[in-house]
N, C-alpha and C. Protein backbone atom coordinates (compact mmCIF):
# COMPACT_ATOMS: atom_id res chain seq x y z
N MET A 1 -84.52 103.09 -35.68
CA MET A 1 -85.54 102.60 -34.96
C MET A 1 -86.61 103.32 -35.43
N SER A 2 -90.27 104.86 -37.78
CA SER A 2 -91.39 105.05 -38.55
C SER A 2 -92.48 105.50 -37.60
N SER A 3 -93.22 106.43 -37.98
CA SER A 3 -94.16 107.06 -37.08
C SER A 3 -95.27 106.10 -36.73
N ALA A 4 -95.85 106.30 -35.54
CA ALA A 4 -96.90 105.39 -35.10
C ALA A 4 -97.63 105.96 -33.92
N HIS A 5 -98.85 105.46 -33.70
CA HIS A 5 -99.61 105.80 -32.51
C HIS A 5 -99.34 104.74 -31.47
N ALA A 6 -99.04 105.16 -30.26
CA ALA A 6 -98.58 104.24 -29.25
C ALA A 6 -99.71 103.70 -28.39
N GLU A 7 -100.65 103.03 -28.99
CA GLU A 7 -101.74 102.45 -28.22
C GLU A 7 -101.19 101.38 -27.30
N GLY A 8 -101.65 101.39 -26.06
CA GLY A 8 -101.25 100.35 -25.14
C GLY A 8 -99.89 100.56 -24.51
N VAL A 9 -99.23 101.66 -24.78
CA VAL A 9 -97.93 101.92 -24.17
C VAL A 9 -98.18 102.53 -22.81
N SER A 10 -97.65 101.92 -21.77
CA SER A 10 -97.90 102.41 -20.43
C SER A 10 -96.60 102.58 -19.67
N ALA A 11 -96.62 103.50 -18.72
CA ALA A 11 -95.46 103.72 -17.87
C ALA A 11 -95.52 102.76 -16.69
N PRO A 12 -94.39 102.53 -16.02
CA PRO A 12 -94.39 101.72 -14.82
C PRO A 12 -95.34 102.29 -13.79
N ALA A 13 -96.02 101.41 -13.07
CA ALA A 13 -97.02 101.86 -12.10
C ALA A 13 -96.35 102.51 -10.90
N GLY A 14 -97.06 103.48 -10.36
CA GLY A 14 -96.62 104.07 -9.11
C GLY A 14 -95.69 105.25 -9.29
N ARG A 15 -95.90 106.30 -8.51
CA ARG A 15 -95.05 107.48 -8.57
C ARG A 15 -94.54 107.79 -7.17
N GLY A 16 -93.24 107.90 -7.04
CA GLY A 16 -92.68 108.29 -5.77
C GLY A 16 -92.34 109.77 -5.82
N ALA A 17 -91.27 110.13 -5.13
CA ALA A 17 -90.81 111.52 -5.16
C ALA A 17 -90.37 111.86 -6.57
N VAL A 18 -90.62 113.10 -6.97
CA VAL A 18 -90.26 113.53 -8.31
C VAL A 18 -88.74 113.69 -8.40
N THR A 19 -88.18 113.07 -9.42
CA THR A 19 -86.74 113.13 -9.69
C THR A 19 -86.54 113.36 -11.18
N GLY A 20 -85.29 113.57 -11.57
CA GLY A 20 -85.01 113.67 -12.99
C GLY A 20 -85.44 112.43 -13.74
N ALA A 21 -85.25 111.27 -13.12
CA ALA A 21 -85.63 110.00 -13.75
C ALA A 21 -87.13 109.89 -13.91
N SER A 22 -87.88 110.32 -12.90
CA SER A 22 -89.34 110.20 -13.00
C SER A 22 -89.91 111.20 -14.00
N VAL A 23 -89.30 112.37 -14.11
CA VAL A 23 -89.72 113.34 -15.13
C VAL A 23 -89.47 112.76 -16.52
N ARG A 24 -88.29 112.17 -16.71
CA ARG A 24 -87.97 111.56 -18.00
C ARG A 24 -88.95 110.43 -18.33
N ASP A 25 -89.28 109.62 -17.34
CA ASP A 25 -90.18 108.49 -17.56
C ASP A 25 -91.57 108.97 -17.96
N ALA A 26 -92.07 110.00 -17.27
CA ALA A 26 -93.38 110.54 -17.60
C ALA A 26 -93.38 111.15 -18.99
N ALA A 27 -92.31 111.88 -19.31
CA ALA A 27 -92.21 112.49 -20.64
C ALA A 27 -92.12 111.42 -21.72
N LEU A 28 -91.37 110.36 -21.44
CA LEU A 28 -91.23 109.28 -22.41
C LEU A 28 -92.58 108.66 -22.75
N THR A 29 -93.38 108.40 -21.74
CA THR A 29 -94.71 107.84 -21.99
C THR A 29 -95.57 108.78 -22.81
N LEU A 30 -95.55 110.06 -22.46
CA LEU A 30 -96.38 111.03 -23.17
C LEU A 30 -95.87 111.27 -24.59
N PHE A 31 -94.56 111.32 -24.78
CA PHE A 31 -94.02 111.47 -26.13
C PHE A 31 -94.45 110.27 -26.99
N ALA A 32 -94.41 109.07 -26.42
CA ALA A 32 -94.79 107.87 -27.17
C ALA A 32 -96.27 107.90 -27.53
N GLU A 33 -97.10 108.38 -26.62
CA GLU A 33 -98.55 108.40 -26.85
C GLU A 33 -98.99 109.55 -27.75
N ARG A 34 -98.40 110.73 -27.54
CA ARG A 34 -98.90 111.94 -28.20
C ARG A 34 -97.95 112.55 -29.21
N GLY A 35 -96.70 112.09 -29.20
CA GLY A 35 -95.69 112.72 -30.02
C GLY A 35 -95.01 113.84 -29.26
N TYR A 36 -93.78 114.14 -29.65
CA TYR A 36 -93.01 115.19 -28.99
C TYR A 36 -93.71 116.55 -29.09
N HIS A 37 -94.14 116.91 -30.30
CA HIS A 37 -94.78 118.21 -30.48
C HIS A 37 -96.17 118.25 -29.87
N GLY A 38 -96.78 117.11 -29.67
CA GLY A 38 -98.11 117.07 -29.09
C GLY A 38 -98.12 117.02 -27.58
N THR A 39 -96.93 117.07 -26.98
CA THR A 39 -96.82 116.99 -25.52
C THR A 39 -96.31 118.31 -24.96
N ALA A 40 -97.12 118.95 -24.16
CA ALA A 40 -96.70 120.18 -23.48
C ALA A 40 -96.07 119.83 -22.15
N MET A 41 -95.16 120.65 -21.69
CA MET A 41 -94.53 120.39 -20.40
C MET A 41 -95.54 120.46 -19.27
N SER A 42 -96.60 121.22 -19.47
CA SER A 42 -97.66 121.26 -18.44
C SER A 42 -98.33 119.90 -18.31
N THR A 43 -98.39 119.15 -19.41
CA THR A 43 -98.98 117.81 -19.37
C THR A 43 -98.07 116.85 -18.62
N VAL A 44 -96.76 116.99 -18.81
CA VAL A 44 -95.81 116.18 -18.07
C VAL A 44 -95.94 116.48 -16.58
N ALA A 45 -96.04 117.77 -16.25
CA ALA A 45 -96.18 118.16 -14.85
C ALA A 45 -97.46 117.59 -14.25
N ALA A 46 -98.55 117.64 -15.02
CA ALA A 46 -99.82 117.12 -14.53
C ALA A 46 -99.74 115.62 -14.25
N ALA A 47 -99.00 114.90 -15.11
CA ALA A 47 -98.84 113.46 -14.92
C ALA A 47 -98.10 113.15 -13.61
N LEU A 48 -97.25 114.08 -13.20
CA LEU A 48 -96.48 113.91 -11.97
C LEU A 48 -97.12 114.59 -10.77
N VAL A 49 -98.24 115.26 -11.03
CA VAL A 49 -98.99 115.97 -9.99
C VAL A 49 -98.11 117.04 -9.34
N ILE A 50 -97.45 117.83 -10.17
CA ILE A 50 -96.66 118.95 -9.68
C ILE A 50 -96.94 120.16 -10.57
N ARG A 51 -96.47 121.32 -10.16
CA ARG A 51 -96.60 122.52 -10.98
C ARG A 51 -95.54 122.50 -12.07
N THR A 52 -95.86 123.08 -13.21
CA THR A 52 -94.94 123.07 -14.35
C THR A 52 -93.57 123.66 -14.00
N PRO A 53 -93.47 124.80 -13.30
CA PRO A 53 -92.14 125.34 -12.99
C PRO A 53 -91.27 124.37 -12.19
N SER A 54 -91.90 123.47 -11.43
CA SER A 54 -91.14 122.53 -10.61
C SER A 54 -90.37 121.53 -11.45
N LEU A 55 -90.82 121.30 -12.69
CA LEU A 55 -90.11 120.38 -13.57
C LEU A 55 -88.66 120.82 -13.78
N TYR A 56 -88.47 122.12 -13.83
CA TYR A 56 -87.16 122.66 -14.19
C TYR A 56 -86.16 122.61 -13.03
N ASN A 57 -86.61 122.07 -11.90
CA ASN A 57 -85.67 121.74 -10.83
C ASN A 57 -84.93 120.45 -11.17
N HIS A 58 -85.45 119.71 -12.15
CA HIS A 58 -84.92 118.38 -12.45
C HIS A 58 -84.40 118.24 -13.89
N ILE A 59 -84.84 119.11 -14.78
CA ILE A 59 -84.44 119.03 -16.18
C ILE A 59 -84.19 120.44 -16.71
N ARG A 60 -83.50 120.50 -17.86
CA ARG A 60 -83.27 121.82 -18.47
C ARG A 60 -84.41 122.23 -19.40
N GLY A 61 -85.05 121.24 -20.01
CA GLY A 61 -86.16 121.58 -20.90
C GLY A 61 -86.63 120.38 -21.70
N LYS A 62 -87.68 120.58 -22.43
CA LYS A 62 -88.30 119.53 -23.23
C LYS A 62 -87.34 118.98 -24.29
N GLN A 63 -86.62 119.88 -24.94
CA GLN A 63 -85.69 119.47 -25.99
C GLN A 63 -84.59 118.57 -25.43
N ASP A 64 -84.11 118.87 -24.24
CA ASP A 64 -83.08 118.05 -23.62
C ASP A 64 -83.61 116.66 -23.26
N LEU A 65 -84.88 116.60 -22.89
CA LEU A 65 -85.49 115.30 -22.62
C LEU A 65 -85.48 114.44 -23.88
N LEU A 66 -85.89 115.03 -24.99
CA LEU A 66 -85.91 114.28 -26.24
C LEU A 66 -84.51 113.83 -26.62
N GLU A 67 -83.56 114.72 -26.51
CA GLU A 67 -82.18 114.37 -26.89
C GLU A 67 -81.65 113.22 -26.03
N SER A 68 -81.92 113.25 -24.74
CA SER A 68 -81.42 112.17 -23.87
C SER A 68 -82.06 110.83 -24.22
N ILE A 69 -83.35 110.86 -24.54
CA ILE A 69 -84.04 109.63 -24.92
C ILE A 69 -83.46 109.07 -26.21
N VAL A 70 -83.27 109.93 -27.20
CA VAL A 70 -82.76 109.49 -28.50
C VAL A 70 -81.33 108.97 -28.38
N VAL A 71 -80.46 109.73 -27.72
CA VAL A 71 -79.05 109.34 -27.62
C VAL A 71 -78.90 108.04 -26.85
N GLU A 72 -79.56 107.94 -25.71
CA GLU A 72 -79.43 106.72 -24.90
C GLU A 72 -79.97 105.51 -25.63
N THR A 73 -81.06 105.69 -26.36
CA THR A 73 -81.64 104.57 -27.09
C THR A 73 -80.75 104.11 -28.23
N LEU A 74 -80.25 105.04 -29.03
CA LEU A 74 -79.39 104.68 -30.15
C LEU A 74 -78.07 104.09 -29.68
N ASP A 75 -77.54 104.60 -28.59
CA ASP A 75 -76.31 104.01 -28.04
C ASP A 75 -76.57 102.58 -27.57
N ALA A 76 -77.73 102.34 -26.98
CA ALA A 76 -78.07 101.00 -26.51
C ALA A 76 -78.25 100.03 -27.67
N VAL A 77 -78.84 100.51 -28.76
CA VAL A 77 -79.02 99.67 -29.95
C VAL A 77 -77.66 99.23 -30.48
N LEU A 78 -76.73 100.15 -30.59
CA LEU A 78 -75.41 99.81 -31.11
C LEU A 78 -74.66 98.89 -30.14
N ALA A 79 -74.82 99.13 -28.84
CA ALA A 79 -74.17 98.26 -27.85
C ALA A 79 -74.75 96.85 -27.92
N ASP A 80 -76.07 96.74 -28.08
CA ASP A 80 -76.71 95.43 -28.25
C ASP A 80 -76.10 94.68 -29.43
N HIS A 81 -75.99 95.40 -30.54
CA HIS A 81 -75.47 94.78 -31.77
C HIS A 81 -74.04 94.31 -31.56
N THR A 82 -73.21 95.16 -31.00
CA THR A 82 -71.80 94.83 -30.80
C THR A 82 -71.64 93.60 -29.92
N ALA A 83 -72.42 93.55 -28.84
CA ALA A 83 -72.35 92.40 -27.94
C ALA A 83 -72.87 91.13 -28.60
N ALA A 84 -73.91 91.26 -29.43
CA ALA A 84 -74.53 90.10 -30.06
C ALA A 84 -73.60 89.41 -31.05
N VAL A 85 -72.80 90.19 -31.78
CA VAL A 85 -71.95 89.61 -32.82
C VAL A 85 -70.53 89.34 -32.35
N ALA A 86 -70.18 89.79 -31.16
CA ALA A 86 -68.82 89.63 -30.66
C ALA A 86 -68.43 88.15 -30.61
N GLY A 87 -67.30 87.83 -31.19
CA GLY A 87 -66.81 86.46 -31.16
C GLY A 87 -67.45 85.52 -32.15
N ARG A 88 -68.39 86.03 -32.95
CA ARG A 88 -69.07 85.18 -33.94
C ARG A 88 -68.46 85.44 -35.31
N VAL A 89 -68.13 84.36 -36.00
CA VAL A 89 -67.52 84.46 -37.32
C VAL A 89 -68.50 84.11 -38.43
N ASP A 90 -69.33 83.13 -38.19
CA ASP A 90 -70.30 82.66 -39.19
C ASP A 90 -71.33 83.75 -39.47
N PRO A 91 -71.47 84.20 -40.72
CA PRO A 91 -72.46 85.23 -41.04
C PRO A 91 -73.89 84.84 -40.66
N VAL A 92 -74.20 83.57 -40.71
CA VAL A 92 -75.54 83.11 -40.33
C VAL A 92 -75.79 83.38 -38.85
N ASP A 93 -74.84 83.00 -38.01
CA ASP A 93 -74.97 83.24 -36.57
C ASP A 93 -75.01 84.74 -36.28
N ARG A 94 -74.18 85.49 -36.96
CA ARG A 94 -74.11 86.93 -36.72
C ARG A 94 -75.41 87.62 -37.11
N LEU A 95 -75.95 87.26 -38.27
CA LEU A 95 -77.20 87.89 -38.70
C LEU A 95 -78.36 87.47 -37.80
N ARG A 96 -78.38 86.21 -37.43
CA ARG A 96 -79.45 85.74 -36.56
C ARG A 96 -79.45 86.49 -35.23
N GLU A 97 -78.28 86.61 -34.62
CA GLU A 97 -78.20 87.27 -33.31
C GLU A 97 -78.38 88.78 -33.41
N ALA A 98 -77.85 89.38 -34.46
CA ALA A 98 -78.01 90.83 -34.63
C ALA A 98 -79.48 91.20 -34.82
N THR A 99 -80.19 90.37 -35.57
CA THR A 99 -81.63 90.61 -35.77
C THR A 99 -82.40 90.35 -34.49
N ARG A 100 -82.05 89.28 -33.82
CA ARG A 100 -82.79 88.91 -32.61
C ARG A 100 -82.72 90.02 -31.56
N VAL A 101 -81.54 90.59 -31.31
CA VAL A 101 -81.44 91.61 -30.26
C VAL A 101 -82.13 92.90 -30.68
N TYR A 102 -82.10 93.20 -31.98
CA TYR A 102 -82.77 94.41 -32.46
C TYR A 102 -84.28 94.26 -32.34
N ALA A 103 -84.79 93.10 -32.73
CA ALA A 103 -86.22 92.84 -32.60
C ALA A 103 -86.64 92.83 -31.13
N LEU A 104 -85.83 92.23 -30.29
CA LEU A 104 -86.16 92.14 -28.87
C LEU A 104 -86.23 93.52 -28.24
N ARG A 105 -85.31 94.39 -28.59
CA ARG A 105 -85.34 95.76 -28.04
C ARG A 105 -86.64 96.47 -28.43
N HIS A 106 -87.14 96.25 -29.64
CA HIS A 106 -88.37 96.91 -30.06
C HIS A 106 -89.60 96.33 -29.38
N ALA A 107 -89.49 95.12 -28.87
CA ALA A 107 -90.60 94.54 -28.12
C ALA A 107 -90.56 94.94 -26.65
N THR A 108 -89.36 95.14 -26.11
CA THR A 108 -89.21 95.39 -24.67
C THR A 108 -89.00 96.87 -24.33
N HIS A 109 -88.72 97.69 -25.32
CA HIS A 109 -88.53 99.14 -25.11
C HIS A 109 -89.38 99.90 -26.13
N ARG A 110 -90.67 99.64 -26.09
CA ARG A 110 -91.56 100.17 -27.11
C ARG A 110 -91.66 101.69 -27.07
N ARG A 111 -91.71 102.25 -25.89
CA ARG A 111 -91.83 103.71 -25.81
C ARG A 111 -90.64 104.39 -26.46
N GLU A 112 -89.45 103.94 -26.11
CA GLU A 112 -88.25 104.53 -26.67
C GLU A 112 -88.22 104.38 -28.20
N ALA A 113 -88.59 103.19 -28.67
CA ALA A 113 -88.57 102.93 -30.12
C ALA A 113 -89.52 103.86 -30.85
N LEU A 114 -90.71 104.02 -30.32
CA LEU A 114 -91.70 104.88 -30.96
C LEU A 114 -91.23 106.33 -31.02
N VAL A 115 -90.66 106.80 -29.93
CA VAL A 115 -90.20 108.19 -29.88
C VAL A 115 -89.02 108.41 -30.83
N VAL A 116 -88.06 107.51 -30.79
CA VAL A 116 -86.87 107.67 -31.63
C VAL A 116 -87.24 107.65 -33.10
N ASN A 117 -88.10 106.74 -33.49
CA ASN A 117 -88.42 106.61 -34.91
C ASN A 117 -89.34 107.70 -35.43
N ARG A 118 -90.09 108.33 -34.55
CA ARG A 118 -90.99 109.39 -35.00
C ARG A 118 -90.41 110.78 -34.79
N ASP A 119 -89.69 110.99 -33.69
CA ASP A 119 -89.39 112.35 -33.26
C ASP A 119 -87.92 112.77 -33.34
N THR A 120 -87.04 111.88 -33.76
CA THR A 120 -85.63 112.26 -33.86
C THR A 120 -85.44 113.49 -34.75
N ALA A 121 -86.21 113.58 -35.81
CA ALA A 121 -86.08 114.71 -36.74
C ALA A 121 -86.39 116.05 -36.08
N SER A 122 -87.01 116.04 -34.90
CA SER A 122 -87.31 117.28 -34.19
C SER A 122 -86.10 117.83 -33.43
N LEU A 123 -85.02 117.07 -33.36
CA LEU A 123 -83.83 117.55 -32.68
C LEU A 123 -83.16 118.68 -33.49
N PRO A 124 -82.61 119.66 -32.83
CA PRO A 124 -81.85 120.71 -33.54
C PRO A 124 -80.44 120.21 -33.83
N GLU A 125 -79.74 120.92 -34.67
CA GLU A 125 -78.32 120.63 -34.87
C GLU A 125 -77.52 121.19 -33.70
N PRO A 126 -76.42 120.57 -33.30
CA PRO A 126 -75.80 119.39 -33.92
C PRO A 126 -76.32 118.06 -33.41
N ALA A 127 -77.32 118.10 -32.52
CA ALA A 127 -77.82 116.85 -31.95
C ALA A 127 -78.43 115.95 -33.01
N LEU A 128 -79.09 116.55 -34.01
CA LEU A 128 -79.71 115.75 -35.06
C LEU A 128 -78.66 114.98 -35.86
N SER A 129 -77.61 115.64 -36.27
CA SER A 129 -76.56 114.96 -37.03
C SER A 129 -75.88 113.87 -36.19
N ALA A 130 -75.69 114.15 -34.91
CA ALA A 130 -75.08 113.15 -34.03
C ALA A 130 -75.97 111.91 -33.92
N ALA A 131 -77.27 112.13 -33.82
CA ALA A 131 -78.20 111.00 -33.75
C ALA A 131 -78.19 110.21 -35.05
N ARG A 132 -78.16 110.91 -36.16
CA ARG A 132 -78.13 110.22 -37.46
C ARG A 132 -76.83 109.44 -37.63
N ASP A 133 -75.74 109.95 -37.11
CA ASP A 133 -74.48 109.23 -37.18
C ASP A 133 -74.55 107.93 -36.38
N ARG A 134 -75.17 107.99 -35.22
CA ARG A 134 -75.33 106.78 -34.40
C ARG A 134 -76.17 105.74 -35.13
N ARG A 135 -77.27 106.18 -35.71
CA ARG A 135 -78.15 105.26 -36.44
C ARG A 135 -77.42 104.68 -37.65
N ARG A 136 -76.68 105.52 -38.34
CA ARG A 136 -75.95 105.07 -39.53
C ARG A 136 -74.89 104.03 -39.14
N ALA A 137 -74.26 104.20 -38.00
CA ALA A 137 -73.24 103.24 -37.56
C ALA A 137 -73.85 101.86 -37.36
N HIS A 138 -75.04 101.81 -36.78
CA HIS A 138 -75.72 100.52 -36.60
C HIS A 138 -76.12 99.93 -37.94
N GLU A 139 -76.71 100.75 -38.80
CA GLU A 139 -77.16 100.25 -40.11
C GLU A 139 -75.99 99.73 -40.93
N THR A 140 -74.86 100.42 -40.88
CA THR A 140 -73.69 100.00 -41.63
C THR A 140 -73.14 98.68 -41.11
N ALA A 141 -73.06 98.56 -39.79
CA ALA A 141 -72.58 97.32 -39.19
C ALA A 141 -73.51 96.15 -39.52
N PHE A 142 -74.79 96.40 -39.50
CA PHE A 142 -75.77 95.36 -39.80
C PHE A 142 -75.66 94.93 -41.26
N ARG A 143 -75.59 95.91 -42.13
CA ARG A 143 -75.51 95.62 -43.56
C ARG A 143 -74.23 94.88 -43.92
N SER A 144 -73.15 95.15 -43.21
CA SER A 144 -71.88 94.49 -43.52
C SER A 144 -71.96 92.98 -43.29
N ILE A 145 -72.78 92.56 -42.35
CA ILE A 145 -72.95 91.12 -42.12
C ILE A 145 -73.55 90.47 -43.36
N ILE A 146 -74.55 91.12 -43.92
CA ILE A 146 -75.21 90.58 -45.12
C ILE A 146 -74.25 90.59 -46.30
N SER A 147 -73.51 91.66 -46.45
CA SER A 147 -72.55 91.76 -47.55
C SER A 147 -71.49 90.66 -47.46
N GLU A 148 -70.98 90.45 -46.26
CA GLU A 148 -69.97 89.41 -46.07
C GLU A 148 -70.54 88.03 -46.35
N GLY A 149 -71.77 87.80 -45.91
CA GLY A 149 -72.41 86.51 -46.16
C GLY A 149 -72.62 86.27 -47.65
N ALA A 150 -72.96 87.34 -48.36
CA ALA A 150 -73.16 87.23 -49.81
C ALA A 150 -71.84 86.96 -50.51
N GLU A 151 -70.79 87.63 -50.07
CA GLU A 151 -69.46 87.44 -50.67
C GLU A 151 -68.95 86.01 -50.46
N GLN A 152 -69.31 85.43 -49.33
CA GLN A 152 -68.89 84.06 -49.02
C GLN A 152 -69.80 83.01 -49.66
N GLY A 153 -70.87 83.47 -50.30
CA GLY A 153 -71.79 82.54 -50.93
C GLY A 153 -72.76 81.88 -49.97
N VAL A 154 -72.80 82.40 -48.73
CA VAL A 154 -73.72 81.86 -47.72
C VAL A 154 -75.13 82.40 -47.92
N PHE A 155 -75.22 83.68 -48.32
CA PHE A 155 -76.49 84.31 -48.62
C PHE A 155 -76.59 84.53 -50.13
N ALA A 156 -77.79 84.33 -50.67
CA ALA A 156 -77.99 84.49 -52.11
C ALA A 156 -78.71 85.79 -52.44
N VAL A 157 -78.68 86.72 -51.54
CA VAL A 157 -79.37 88.00 -51.73
C VAL A 157 -78.60 88.85 -52.74
N GLY A 158 -79.33 89.60 -53.56
CA GLY A 158 -78.68 90.41 -54.57
C GLY A 158 -78.29 91.79 -54.11
N ASP A 159 -79.05 92.38 -53.19
CA ASP A 159 -78.82 93.76 -52.75
C ASP A 159 -78.79 93.79 -51.22
N ALA A 160 -77.59 93.87 -50.67
CA ALA A 160 -77.45 93.85 -49.21
C ALA A 160 -78.12 95.05 -48.56
N ARG A 161 -78.08 96.20 -49.21
CA ARG A 161 -78.69 97.41 -48.65
C ARG A 161 -80.21 97.24 -48.53
N LEU A 162 -80.83 96.74 -49.58
CA LEU A 162 -82.28 96.54 -49.55
C LEU A 162 -82.66 95.48 -48.53
N ALA A 163 -81.88 94.41 -48.46
CA ALA A 163 -82.16 93.34 -47.50
C ALA A 163 -82.05 93.86 -46.06
N SER A 164 -81.00 94.64 -45.78
CA SER A 164 -80.84 95.15 -44.42
C SER A 164 -81.97 96.10 -44.06
N PHE A 165 -82.39 96.92 -45.04
CA PHE A 165 -83.51 97.83 -44.79
C PHE A 165 -84.78 97.03 -44.46
N ALA A 166 -85.04 95.98 -45.20
CA ALA A 166 -86.24 95.16 -44.97
C ALA A 166 -86.21 94.53 -43.58
N ILE A 167 -85.07 94.00 -43.20
CA ILE A 167 -84.96 93.33 -41.89
C ILE A 167 -85.10 94.33 -40.75
N LEU A 168 -84.42 95.46 -40.86
CA LEU A 168 -84.50 96.46 -39.79
C LEU A 168 -85.90 97.04 -39.67
N GLU A 169 -86.54 97.32 -40.80
CA GLU A 169 -87.87 97.91 -40.75
C GLU A 169 -88.91 96.95 -40.19
N MET A 170 -88.80 95.66 -40.51
CA MET A 170 -89.78 94.72 -39.96
C MET A 170 -89.60 94.62 -38.44
N SER A 171 -88.38 94.81 -37.97
CA SER A 171 -88.14 94.79 -36.53
C SER A 171 -88.67 96.06 -35.87
N VAL A 172 -88.48 97.19 -36.53
CA VAL A 172 -89.00 98.46 -36.02
C VAL A 172 -90.50 98.39 -35.80
N SER A 173 -91.20 97.72 -36.70
CA SER A 173 -92.67 97.66 -36.62
C SER A 173 -93.16 96.95 -35.37
N ILE A 174 -92.32 96.15 -34.76
CA ILE A 174 -92.73 95.41 -33.55
C ILE A 174 -93.23 96.37 -32.47
N ALA A 175 -92.57 97.51 -32.35
CA ALA A 175 -92.96 98.48 -31.32
C ALA A 175 -94.39 98.96 -31.49
N ARG A 176 -94.91 98.89 -32.71
CA ARG A 176 -96.27 99.39 -32.96
C ARG A 176 -97.35 98.36 -32.64
N TRP A 177 -97.01 97.08 -32.74
CA TRP A 177 -98.08 96.09 -32.57
C TRP A 177 -97.89 95.12 -31.40
N PHE A 178 -96.69 95.00 -30.87
CA PHE A 178 -96.45 94.01 -29.83
C PHE A 178 -97.19 94.37 -28.54
N ARG A 179 -97.75 93.36 -27.91
CA ARG A 179 -98.41 93.52 -26.62
C ARG A 179 -97.90 92.46 -25.65
N GLU A 180 -97.60 92.87 -24.43
CA GLU A 180 -97.08 91.95 -23.43
C GLU A 180 -98.06 90.82 -23.12
N ASP A 181 -99.36 91.08 -23.30
CA ASP A 181 -100.36 90.06 -23.02
C ASP A 181 -100.79 89.31 -24.28
N GLY A 182 -100.01 89.42 -25.34
CA GLY A 182 -100.33 88.76 -26.60
C GLY A 182 -99.97 87.28 -26.57
N PRO A 183 -100.20 86.58 -27.66
CA PRO A 183 -99.98 85.14 -27.71
C PRO A 183 -98.51 84.73 -27.71
N LEU A 184 -97.60 85.65 -28.07
CA LEU A 184 -96.17 85.35 -28.10
C LEU A 184 -95.42 86.26 -27.14
N THR A 185 -94.38 85.73 -26.51
CA THR A 185 -93.53 86.54 -25.65
C THR A 185 -92.59 87.39 -26.52
N ALA A 186 -91.97 88.36 -25.90
CA ALA A 186 -91.01 89.19 -26.63
C ALA A 186 -89.88 88.33 -27.20
N GLU A 187 -89.43 87.36 -26.41
CA GLU A 187 -88.34 86.49 -26.86
C GLU A 187 -88.77 85.63 -28.05
N GLN A 188 -90.01 85.15 -28.04
CA GLN A 188 -90.49 84.35 -29.16
C GLN A 188 -90.60 85.18 -30.43
N VAL A 189 -91.08 86.39 -30.29
CA VAL A 189 -91.18 87.29 -31.44
C VAL A 189 -89.79 87.57 -32.00
N ALA A 190 -88.82 87.82 -31.13
CA ALA A 190 -87.46 88.11 -31.57
C ALA A 190 -86.85 86.90 -32.28
N ASP A 191 -87.08 85.72 -31.75
CA ASP A 191 -86.56 84.51 -32.39
C ASP A 191 -87.17 84.31 -33.78
N GLU A 192 -88.46 84.56 -33.91
CA GLU A 192 -89.12 84.41 -35.21
C GLU A 192 -88.56 85.41 -36.22
N HIS A 193 -88.34 86.64 -35.78
CA HIS A 193 -87.80 87.65 -36.69
C HIS A 193 -86.38 87.30 -37.13
N ALA A 194 -85.62 86.68 -36.24
CA ALA A 194 -84.27 86.25 -36.62
C ALA A 194 -84.33 85.23 -37.75
N GLU A 195 -85.31 84.34 -37.69
CA GLU A 195 -85.46 83.36 -38.77
C GLU A 195 -85.99 84.01 -40.04
N PHE A 196 -86.87 84.99 -39.89
CA PHE A 196 -87.36 85.73 -41.07
C PHE A 196 -86.18 86.39 -41.79
N ALA A 197 -85.25 86.93 -41.02
CA ALA A 197 -84.10 87.62 -41.61
C ALA A 197 -83.29 86.68 -42.50
N LEU A 198 -83.11 85.46 -42.04
CA LEU A 198 -82.34 84.49 -42.83
C LEU A 198 -83.07 84.14 -44.13
N ARG A 199 -84.39 84.16 -44.09
CA ARG A 199 -85.14 83.92 -45.33
C ARG A 199 -85.01 85.09 -46.29
N ILE A 200 -84.98 86.30 -45.76
CA ILE A 200 -84.85 87.48 -46.61
C ILE A 200 -83.53 87.46 -47.38
N VAL A 201 -82.47 87.01 -46.74
CA VAL A 201 -81.17 86.97 -47.42
C VAL A 201 -80.99 85.67 -48.21
N ARG A 202 -82.04 84.85 -48.23
CA ARG A 202 -82.05 83.61 -49.01
C ARG A 202 -80.98 82.63 -48.57
N TYR A 203 -80.91 82.48 -47.26
CA TYR A 203 -80.00 81.47 -46.70
C TYR A 203 -80.63 80.10 -46.85
N ARG A 204 -79.84 79.15 -47.35
CA ARG A 204 -80.30 77.77 -47.50
C ARG A 204 -79.35 76.86 -46.74
N PRO A 205 -79.80 76.31 -45.62
CA PRO A 205 -78.93 75.44 -44.80
C PRO A 205 -78.36 74.27 -45.62
């Protein structure tokens, strides 16, 4: 899930009692807007209108916040992919649905996408390697669809790795430019990207 400035990324309105979830939500918004290294815990506390030491009643630290965001997001991406292709045999259907859910996640979970793609490298080991393994599992599963389609003669693409990279990266970019009040809905954007993916692999109905 490439660095970016998160213009227009906003947190859900309204703040109730401070909880671990609300601390995570505030941190997520600030990480997306300012970057992990550009966000001090005092800024998170200020967003919640509490003193900085009070944050640690709900979390262990800034690094743990980042790790939870990255792990949960990457696990959700892989779960989306698995559910999208389950029971589908046709490489065309599998690629269309795998792309659609990946693109949709980047339109509907923009904060998470921005943080994961920019700040994962800030994780220490072994969390960094674990995150990279999760990302690699998704990329490998995605690329295998293209490879299988090429082997069956359904796709005329020459390099499955390059094609998968192009499709995934164009979907990642959605988090940087998509706006809820724009001319297209998240679902319409996802559907269009699914069709773009089929063109990239040179599918001819």
